[in-house]
Amino acid sequence: ERLPAKCPRLLLRGSPSEEPEMPTEIRAAVLHAPHEPIRIERLILDDPDADEVLIEIRAAGLCHSDLHYIEGHIGGTFPMVLGHEAAGVVVKVGDKVTGLKPGDHVIPLFSPECRQCVNCLSGRTNFCLKPATVPGRSRMKTLDGQPVYRASLGITATHAVLSEHAVCKIRDDAPFDKVFYCGCGITTGVGAAMFQAKVKRDDRVIVFGVGGIGLNVLQGARLAGAKQIVAVDANPLREESALKFGATHFVNVHDHGDKIVEHLQQITGGGAEYCFECIGNVEVMRQALAATNPYWGRAIVVGIAPAGKQVSFDAISLILGRGISGSVFGGAKGKTDLPKVVDWYMNGDIMVDELVTHTMKLEDINEGYDLMRRGESIRTAIVL
């Protein structure tokens, strides 16, 4: 394996050092304030603690949630390094790390799995109570010693230090510049169908919003064997990609206006087993619930609405059995389920290459976000 160009002397756990450790100098994408261009800067990265690992990042993705920091929709402590979607190689481990070793190929987890907290042990949720990073703790600093913080994992950089429970080992033959996307968008969508809803063969499925996440819900439903998969979107140009990723029907909302729910109930024969909202629009969430089968249907909210927004629906509509629930990271348990998603890709069961539409260097990151703003990319890979 190629070792990082600027990295401390790499030692296996317990090996005696023949020379003192030197700080790790990295290059990172730093946002100093909302609405400012991202700068590529040289930083000093902390050495890993006993339960942490040092990772050389080989590829990172530009996710729409990072754009919220850039445009000021989500706050944080500045300056910050963006990013929560990446793949790379472990180059050093702390003394208490037992499940990873130098040379392992890994994907960082913004949705970790400690396997020790009450949530992990319950078997009822994938939401681990042990955070992936310590809020407010800086692990990087400028060359003159000023702290630099992390937005989520802060891994749009050449290297990162993360806790072992927030790192998943994957197979060695998976290409970094594709499987990084499994660290967020792919698993969030495919997992919503496979892990959260547990779609079954011959189920009827409706997906509201078929952008990047919605396309992955479509292929998750196809993988599960759903017999009818209806893609719903306001953009008719998305029909071709929706059908390619598994939709059996495409419905343009503008063709049906306020009768959209009635139309969906009609073409599904009384409502779908599962409706997925992939936009983050509370009105669409209401429509998704209304389009489910009234006796056993379930609406799954995948899209993230702005803070403070409320969704309303007729309470009597729940009496017969339909329900609504949310989904984080597709219901996937990071260490347990993410390797399965990578295997699905490597075995040809799901498409990933077609979704990574652009590849760029770290220095071109601002151009990548411009593509995102203009709607000209699905996912951009930053190759390091």
Protein backbone atom coordinates (compact mmCIF):
# COMPACT_ATOMS: atom_id res chain seq x y z
CA GLU A 1 0.00 0.00 0.00
CA ARG A 2 1.05 3.54 -0.73
CA LEU A 3 1.87 5.40 2.48
CA PRO A 4 1.00 9.06 3.01
CA ALA A 5 3.57 11.56 1.82
CA LYS A 6 3.66 13.38 5.15
CA CYS A 7 2.96 11.09 8.05
CA PRO A 8 4.69 10.09 11.28
CA ARG A 9 6.78 6.95 11.30
CA LEU A 10 4.17 4.18 11.12
CA LEU A 11 4.43 1.51 13.77
CA LEU A 12 2.38 -1.52 14.65
CA ARG A 13 0.90 -1.44 18.13
CA GLY A 14 3.52 -2.16 20.75
CA SER A 15 6.55 -1.69 18.48
CA PRO A 16 9.43 0.21 20.05
CA SER A 17 10.09 3.58 18.45
CA GLU A 18 13.64 4.33 17.38
CA GLU A 19 12.92 8.05 17.06
CA PRO A 20 10.41 10.44 18.68
CA GLU A 21 6.97 10.84 17.14
CA MET A 22 6.59 13.86 14.87
CA PRO A 23 3.29 15.71 14.32
CA THR A 24 1.27 14.68 11.28
CA GLU A 25 1.08 17.49 8.75
CA ILE A 26 -1.98 17.24 6.53
CA ARG A 27 -3.79 19.16 3.83
CA ALA A 28 -7.45 19.87 4.49
CA ALA A 29 -10.48 21.73 3.10
CA VAL A 30 -11.11 24.50 5.65
CA LEU A 31 -14.22 26.67 5.82
CA HIS A 32 -13.55 29.86 7.80
CA ALA A 33 -17.08 31.30 7.68
CA PRO A 34 -20.37 30.77 5.83
CA HIS A 35 -20.52 32.04 2.25
CA GLU A 36 -16.72 32.09 1.95
CA PRO A 37 -14.74 29.93 -0.47
CA ILE A 38 -13.15 26.85 1.04
CA ARG A 39 -9.38 27.09 1.43
CA ILE A 40 -6.91 24.23 1.14
CA GLU A 41 -4.55 24.61 4.09
CA ARG A 42 -1.71 22.75 5.78
CA LEU A 43 -2.68 21.72 9.31
CA ILE A 44 -1.22 19.70 12.17
CA LEU A 45 -3.28 16.65 13.11
CA ASP A 46 -3.27 15.18 16.62
CA ASP A 47 -1.79 11.74 17.16
CA PRO A 48 -4.52 9.12 17.83
CA ASP A 49 -5.59 8.47 21.42
CA ALA A 50 -5.61 4.92 22.79
CA ASP A 51 -9.03 4.11 21.26
CA GLU A 52 -8.47 5.94 17.97
CA VAL A 53 -6.98 5.29 14.55
CA LEU A 54 -5.10 7.46 12.06
CA ILE A 55 -6.46 7.09 8.53
CA GLU A 56 -5.00 8.16 5.22
CA ILE A 57 -8.01 9.34 3.21
CA ARG A 58 -7.88 8.11 -0.38
CA ALA A 59 -11.23 9.53 -1.59
CA ALA A 60 -13.88 11.80 -0.08
CA GLY A 61 -17.34 12.79 -1.28
CA LEU A 62 -19.12 16.12 -1.46
CA CYS A 63 -22.51 15.69 0.20
CA HIS A 64 -25.37 18.19 0.07
CA SER A 65 -25.46 18.37 3.88
CA ASP A 66 -21.96 19.91 3.79
CA LEU A 67 -23.37 22.66 1.59
CA HIS A 68 -25.66 23.63 4.49
CA TYR A 69 -22.57 24.66 6.49
CA ILE A 70 -21.19 26.64 3.54
CA GLU A 71 -24.46 28.49 3.03
CA GLY A 72 -25.07 29.11 6.72
CA HIS A 73 -28.12 26.88 7.17
CA ILE A 74 -26.29 24.83 9.82
CA GLY A 75 -24.06 26.48 12.40
CA GLY A 76 -20.82 25.29 13.92
CA THR A 77 -17.49 26.37 15.32
CA PHE A 78 -15.24 27.96 12.74
CA PRO A 79 -12.82 27.42 11.17
CA MET A 80 -13.92 23.89 10.33
CA VAL A 81 -12.96 21.01 8.09
CA LEU A 82 -15.96 19.65 6.21
CA GLY A 83 -16.82 16.11 5.24
CA HIS A 84 -18.34 12.87 6.54
CA GLU A 85 -18.09 10.61 3.49
CA ALA A 86 -14.75 8.98 2.63
CA ALA A 87 -12.68 5.82 2.25
CA GLY A 88 -9.07 5.18 3.09
CA VAL A 89 -6.40 3.09 4.80
CA VAL A 90 -5.52 2.76 8.48
CA VAL A 91 -1.91 3.80 9.06
CA LYS A 92 -1.72 3.80 12.85
CA VAL A 93 -3.81 2.54 15.77
CA GLY A 94 -3.99 3.37 19.47
CA ASP A 95 -3.01 0.89 22.18
CA LYS A 96 -6.64 -0.05 23.01
CA VAL A 97 -7.79 -0.59 19.43
CA THR A 98 -8.59 -4.27 18.88
CA GLY A 99 -10.63 -4.46 15.68
CA LEU A 100 -8.43 -2.57 13.25
CA LYS A 101 -4.77 -2.67 12.21
CA PRO A 102 -2.47 -0.71 9.91
CA GLY A 103 -3.19 -1.51 6.27
CA ASP A 104 -6.92 -2.14 6.75
CA HIS A 105 -9.17 -0.53 4.15
CA VAL A 106 -11.92 1.41 5.90
CA ILE A 107 -14.88 3.75 5.61
CA PRO A 108 -15.44 6.33 8.38
CA LEU A 109 -18.87 6.28 10.03
CA PHE A 110 -20.81 9.44 10.82
CA SER A 111 -23.39 6.99 12.20
CA PRO A 112 -21.15 4.81 14.40
CA GLU A 113 -21.71 1.46 16.10
CA CYS A 114 -20.06 0.97 19.50
CA ARG A 115 -21.92 -2.30 20.24
CA GLN A 116 -21.93 -1.40 23.94
CA CYS A 117 -24.51 1.36 24.52
CA VAL A 118 -28.16 0.64 25.37
CA ASN A 119 -29.22 1.46 21.82
CA CYS A 120 -26.69 -0.84 20.16
CA LEU A 121 -27.55 -3.66 22.56
CA SER A 122 -31.33 -3.21 22.10
CA GLY A 123 -31.39 -4.53 18.54
CA ARG A 124 -34.17 -2.00 17.89
CA THR A 125 -32.26 0.90 16.34
CA ASN A 126 -29.08 1.71 14.44
CA PHE A 127 -28.63 5.01 16.31
CA CYS A 128 -25.58 4.56 18.55
CA LEU A 129 -25.49 6.80 21.62
CA LYS A 130 -21.70 7.14 21.57
CA PRO A 131 -20.94 10.05 19.24
CA ALA A 132 -18.54 9.60 16.35
CA THR A 133 -16.57 12.64 17.51
CA VAL A 134 -16.42 14.58 20.78
CA PRO A 135 -18.47 17.76 20.23
CA GLY A 136 -16.36 20.91 20.39
CA ARG A 137 -13.06 19.05 20.56
CA SER A 138 -10.44 20.17 18.08
CA ARG A 139 -8.08 17.51 16.70
CA MET A 140 -6.37 19.83 14.21
CA LYS A 141 -4.56 23.13 14.42
CA THR A 142 -2.94 25.60 12.08
CA LEU A 143 0.82 25.66 11.71
CA ASP A 144 0.90 28.54 14.22
CA GLY A 145 -1.15 26.58 16.77
CA GLN A 146 -4.71 27.90 16.30
CA PRO A 147 -7.47 25.26 16.67
CA VAL A 148 -9.44 24.02 13.66
CA TYR A 149 -12.71 22.16 14.26
CA ARG A 150 -14.72 19.47 12.50
CA ALA A 151 -18.07 19.62 10.75
CA SER A 152 -19.39 16.12 11.45
CA LEU A 153 -16.28 13.93 10.91
CA GLY A 154 -14.12 16.59 9.24
CA ILE A 155 -12.56 14.17 6.78
CA THR A 156 -12.18 16.18 3.57
CA ALA A 157 -8.45 16.01 4.17
CA THR A 158 -5.45 13.85 3.45
CA HIS A 159 -5.65 12.25 6.91
CA ALA A 160 -8.07 11.96 9.81
CA VAL A 161 -8.08 10.69 13.40
CA LEU A 162 -11.28 8.90 14.46
CA SER A 163 -12.50 6.64 17.24
CA GLU A 164 -12.46 2.93 16.46
CA HIS A 165 -16.24 2.64 16.82
CA ALA A 166 -16.64 5.25 14.02
CA VAL A 167 -14.56 3.31 11.48
CA CYS A 168 -15.71 0.28 9.46
CA LYS A 169 -13.33 -2.23 7.87
CA ILE A 170 -14.20 -3.17 4.29
CA ARG A 171 -12.81 -5.59 1.69
CA ASP A 172 -9.43 -4.74 0.16
CA ASP A 173 -10.50 -4.94 -3.49
CA ALA A 174 -13.20 -2.24 -3.30
CA PRO A 175 -12.16 0.95 -5.17
CA PHE A 176 -11.82 3.93 -2.86
CA ASP A 177 -13.08 6.42 -5.45
CA LYS A 178 -16.44 4.62 -5.61
CA VAL A 179 -17.13 3.00 -2.23
CA PHE A 180 -16.58 6.26 -0.32
CA TYR A 181 -20.19 6.97 -1.38
CA CYS A 182 -21.34 3.98 0.69
CA GLY A 183 -20.36 6.02 3.75
CA CYS A 184 -23.45 8.21 3.31
CA GLY A 185 -25.67 8.50 0.24
CA ILE A 186 -25.69 4.92 -1.05
CA THR A 187 -26.41 3.36 2.34
CA THR A 188 -28.89 6.07 3.36
CA GLY A 189 -31.01 5.24 0.31
CA VAL A 190 -30.47 1.53 -0.29
CA GLY A 191 -30.57 0.90 3.45
CA ALA A 192 -33.89 2.71 3.89
CA ALA A 193 -35.47 0.00 1.75
CA MET A 194 -33.36 -2.97 2.86
CA PHE A 195 -32.65 -2.29 6.56
CA GLN A 196 -35.16 0.30 7.76
CA ALA A 197 -38.35 -0.75 5.96
CA LYS A 198 -37.23 -4.29 5.19
CA VAL A 199 -39.13 -4.26 1.91
CA LYS A 200 -40.23 -7.75 0.93
CA ARG A 201 -40.68 -9.48 -2.40
CA ASP A 202 -43.86 -8.37 -4.22
CA ASP A 203 -44.32 -5.26 -2.05
CA ARG A 204 -45.49 -2.02 -3.66
CA VAL A 205 -43.22 0.96 -3.09
CA ILE A 206 -43.49 4.69 -3.83
CA VAL A 207 -40.44 6.97 -3.70
CA PHE A 208 -41.08 10.72 -3.49
CA GLY A 209 -38.09 12.63 -4.89
CA VAL A 210 -35.58 10.76 -7.04
CA GLY A 211 -32.42 12.77 -6.68
CA GLY A 212 -29.29 11.06 -5.35
CA ILE A 213 -30.93 9.56 -2.25
CA GLY A 214 -34.17 8.66 -3.99
CA LEU A 215 -32.34 6.80 -6.76
CA ASN A 216 -30.68 4.67 -4.10
CA VAL A 217 -34.03 3.93 -2.45
CA LEU A 218 -35.25 2.80 -5.86
CA GLN A 219 -32.40 0.34 -6.30
CA GLY A 220 -32.81 -0.85 -2.72
CA ALA A 221 -36.47 -1.64 -3.40
CA ARG A 222 -35.48 -3.41 -6.63
CA LEU A 223 -32.86 -5.44 -4.77
CA ALA A 224 -35.50 -6.44 -2.21
CA GLY A 225 -37.78 -7.74 -4.96
CA ALA A 226 -40.60 -5.17 -4.85
CA LYS A 227 -43.07 -5.84 -7.67
CA GLN A 228 -44.12 -2.22 -8.21
CA ILE A 229 -41.78 0.74 -7.65
CA VAL A 230 -43.26 4.15 -8.39
CA ALA A 231 -40.93 7.16 -8.70
CA VAL A 232 -42.57 10.53 -8.03
CA ASP A 233 -40.83 13.78 -8.96
CA ALA A 234 -41.54 17.27 -10.26
CA ASN A 235 -38.68 17.09 -12.77
CA PRO A 236 -39.57 15.07 -15.90
CA LEU A 237 -35.87 14.87 -16.81
CA ARG A 238 -35.42 12.42 -13.93
CA GLU A 239 -37.65 9.76 -15.48
CA GLU A 240 -34.87 8.06 -17.45
CA SER A 241 -32.57 7.66 -14.45
CA ALA A 242 -35.46 6.56 -12.23
CA LEU A 243 -36.33 3.74 -14.61
CA LYS A 244 -32.66 2.78 -14.90
CA PHE A 245 -32.34 2.45 -11.12
CA GLY A 246 -35.39 0.27 -10.65
CA ALA A 247 -38.61 2.24 -11.00
CA THR A 248 -41.44 0.47 -12.81
CA HIS A 249 -43.48 3.69 -13.09
CA PHE A 250 -42.68 7.41 -13.15
CA VAL A 251 -45.23 10.01 -12.04
CA ASN A 252 -44.74 13.73 -12.69
CA VAL A 253 -46.45 15.58 -9.85
CA HIS A 254 -47.33 18.47 -12.18
CA ASP A 255 -49.54 16.13 -14.22
CA HIS A 256 -51.84 15.50 -11.24
CA GLY A 257 -51.77 18.58 -9.01
CA ASP A 258 -53.72 18.17 -5.78
CA LYS A 259 -54.96 14.76 -7.00
CA ILE A 260 -51.50 13.18 -6.74
CA VAL A 261 -52.38 11.02 -3.73
CA GLU A 262 -55.55 9.71 -5.34
CA HIS A 263 -53.60 8.84 -8.50
CA LEU A 264 -50.94 6.97 -6.52
CA GLN A 265 -53.56 5.03 -4.59
CA GLN A 266 -55.20 4.09 -7.85
CA ILE A 267 -52.09 2.80 -9.63
CA THR A 268 -50.96 0.83 -6.55
CA GLY A 269 -54.36 -0.77 -6.05
CA GLY A 270 -55.21 0.92 -2.77
CA GLY A 271 -51.90 2.25 -1.52
CA ALA A 272 -48.29 1.12 -1.20
CA GLU A 273 -46.74 -1.05 1.49
CA TYR A 274 -43.98 1.58 1.79
CA CYS A 275 -43.70 5.21 0.77
CA PHE A 276 -40.32 6.95 1.09
CA GLU A 277 -40.05 10.74 1.39
CA CYS A 278 -36.59 11.74 0.11
CA ILE A 279 -36.96 15.52 -0.14
CA GLY A 280 -37.34 16.98 3.35
CA ASN A 281 -40.68 18.67 2.56
CA VAL A 282 -43.37 18.37 5.24
CA GLU A 283 -46.23 18.55 2.72
CA VAL A 284 -44.69 15.66 0.78
CA MET A 285 -44.34 13.75 4.07
CA ARG A 286 -48.10 14.11 4.53
CA GLN A 287 -48.69 12.89 0.97
CA ALA A 288 -46.38 9.93 1.54
CA LEU A 289 -48.40 8.81 4.55
CA ALA A 290 -51.69 9.28 2.69
CA ALA A 291 -50.45 7.19 -0.26
CA THR A 292 -49.72 4.12 1.89
CA ASN A 293 -52.10 1.22 2.30
CA PRO A 294 -54.46 2.33 5.12
CA TYR A 295 -54.24 -1.00 6.97
CA TRP A 296 -50.55 -1.88 6.93
CA GLY A 297 -48.71 0.79 4.94
CA ARG A 298 -45.79 2.74 6.36
CA ALA A 299 -44.27 6.06 5.34
CA ILE A 300 -40.51 6.31 5.85
CA VAL A 301 -39.08 9.83 6.16
CA VAL A 302 -35.57 9.92 4.69
CA GLY A 303 -35.39 13.62 3.74
CA ILE A 304 -34.39 16.16 6.39
CA ALA A 305 -36.78 19.09 6.82
CA PRO A 306 -35.58 22.46 8.16
CA ALA A 307 -35.52 22.71 11.95
CA GLY A 308 -38.87 23.78 13.40
CA LYS A 309 -41.00 22.53 10.52
CA GLN A 310 -44.02 20.45 11.54
CA VAL A 311 -45.97 17.84 9.60
CA SER A 312 -49.73 17.41 10.12
CA PHE A 313 -52.19 14.75 9.08
CA ASP A 314 -55.65 13.53 10.04
CA ALA A 315 -55.21 11.48 13.22
CA ILE A 316 -58.04 9.14 12.21
CA SER A 317 -55.90 8.04 9.24
CA LEU A 318 -53.68 6.08 11.66
CA ILE A 319 -56.45 4.13 13.35
CA LEU A 320 -56.57 1.25 10.90
CA GLY A 321 -52.86 0.52 11.12
CA ARG A 322 -50.76 2.70 8.77
CA GLY A 323 -47.81 4.51 10.33
CA ILE A 324 -44.90 6.87 9.78
CA SER A 325 -41.28 6.71 10.97
CA GLY A 326 -37.89 8.22 10.24
CA SER A 327 -34.66 6.78 8.93
CA VAL A 328 -31.05 7.69 9.75
CA PHE A 329 -28.28 6.22 7.58
CA GLY A 330 -30.88 3.91 6.06
CA GLY A 331 -31.31 2.03 9.32
CA ALA A 332 -27.86 0.52 8.75
CA LYS A 333 -25.68 -0.45 11.68
CA GLY A 334 -22.33 0.91 10.54
CA LYS A 335 -19.88 -1.87 11.32
CA THR A 336 -22.42 -4.65 10.78
CA ASP A 337 -24.25 -3.58 7.64
CA LEU A 338 -21.89 -1.33 5.68
CA PRO A 339 -19.69 -4.25 4.51
CA LYS A 340 -22.87 -5.83 3.08
CA VAL A 341 -23.56 -2.70 1.04
CA VAL A 342 -19.99 -2.73 -0.31
CA ASP A 343 -20.44 -6.40 -1.21
CA TRP A 344 -23.68 -5.61 -3.08
CA TYR A 345 -21.76 -3.08 -5.16
CA MET A 346 -18.81 -5.39 -5.81
CA ASN A 347 -21.18 -8.22 -6.77
CA GLY A 348 -23.07 -6.00 -9.24
CA ASP A 349 -26.31 -5.94 -7.24
CA ILE A 350 -26.40 -2.14 -6.91
CA MET A 351 -25.03 0.66 -9.08
CA VAL A 352 -22.49 3.11 -7.70
CA ASP A 353 -20.23 4.07 -10.62
CA GLU A 354 -23.16 5.71 -12.40
CA LEU A 355 -23.79 7.97 -9.40
CA VAL A 356 -20.22 9.25 -9.01
CA THR A 357 -20.51 11.73 -11.85
CA HIS A 358 -17.36 13.81 -11.26
CA THR A 359 -13.84 13.23 -9.93
CA MET A 360 -11.64 16.12 -8.78
CA LYS A 361 -8.55 17.02 -6.82
CA LEU A 362 -8.79 18.57 -3.36
CA GLU A 363 -7.78 21.95 -4.79
CA ASP A 364 -10.90 21.94 -7.01
CA ILE A 365 -13.39 21.46 -4.17
CA ASN A 366 -15.13 24.81 -4.65
CA GLU A 367 -15.86 23.88 -8.25
CA GLY A 368 -17.40 20.65 -6.96
CA TYR A 369 -19.83 22.54 -4.73
CA ASP A 370 -20.67 24.87 -7.62
CA LEU A 371 -21.66 21.82 -9.68
CA MET A 372 -23.88 20.73 -6.79
CA ARG A 373 -25.57 24.14 -6.58
CA ARG A 374 -26.32 24.06 -10.31
CA GLY A 375 -27.70 20.54 -10.11
CA GLU A 376 -25.08 19.23 -12.53
CA SER A 377 -23.68 16.45 -10.33
CA ILE A 378 -25.02 13.55 -8.32
CA ARG A 379 -21.85 12.86 -6.37
CA THR A 380 -18.38 14.31 -6.77
CA ALA A 381 -15.35 12.33 -5.61
CA ILE A 382 -12.35 14.18 -4.24
CA VAL A 383 -9.37 11.89 -4.88
CA LEU A 384 -6.40 12.42 -2.61
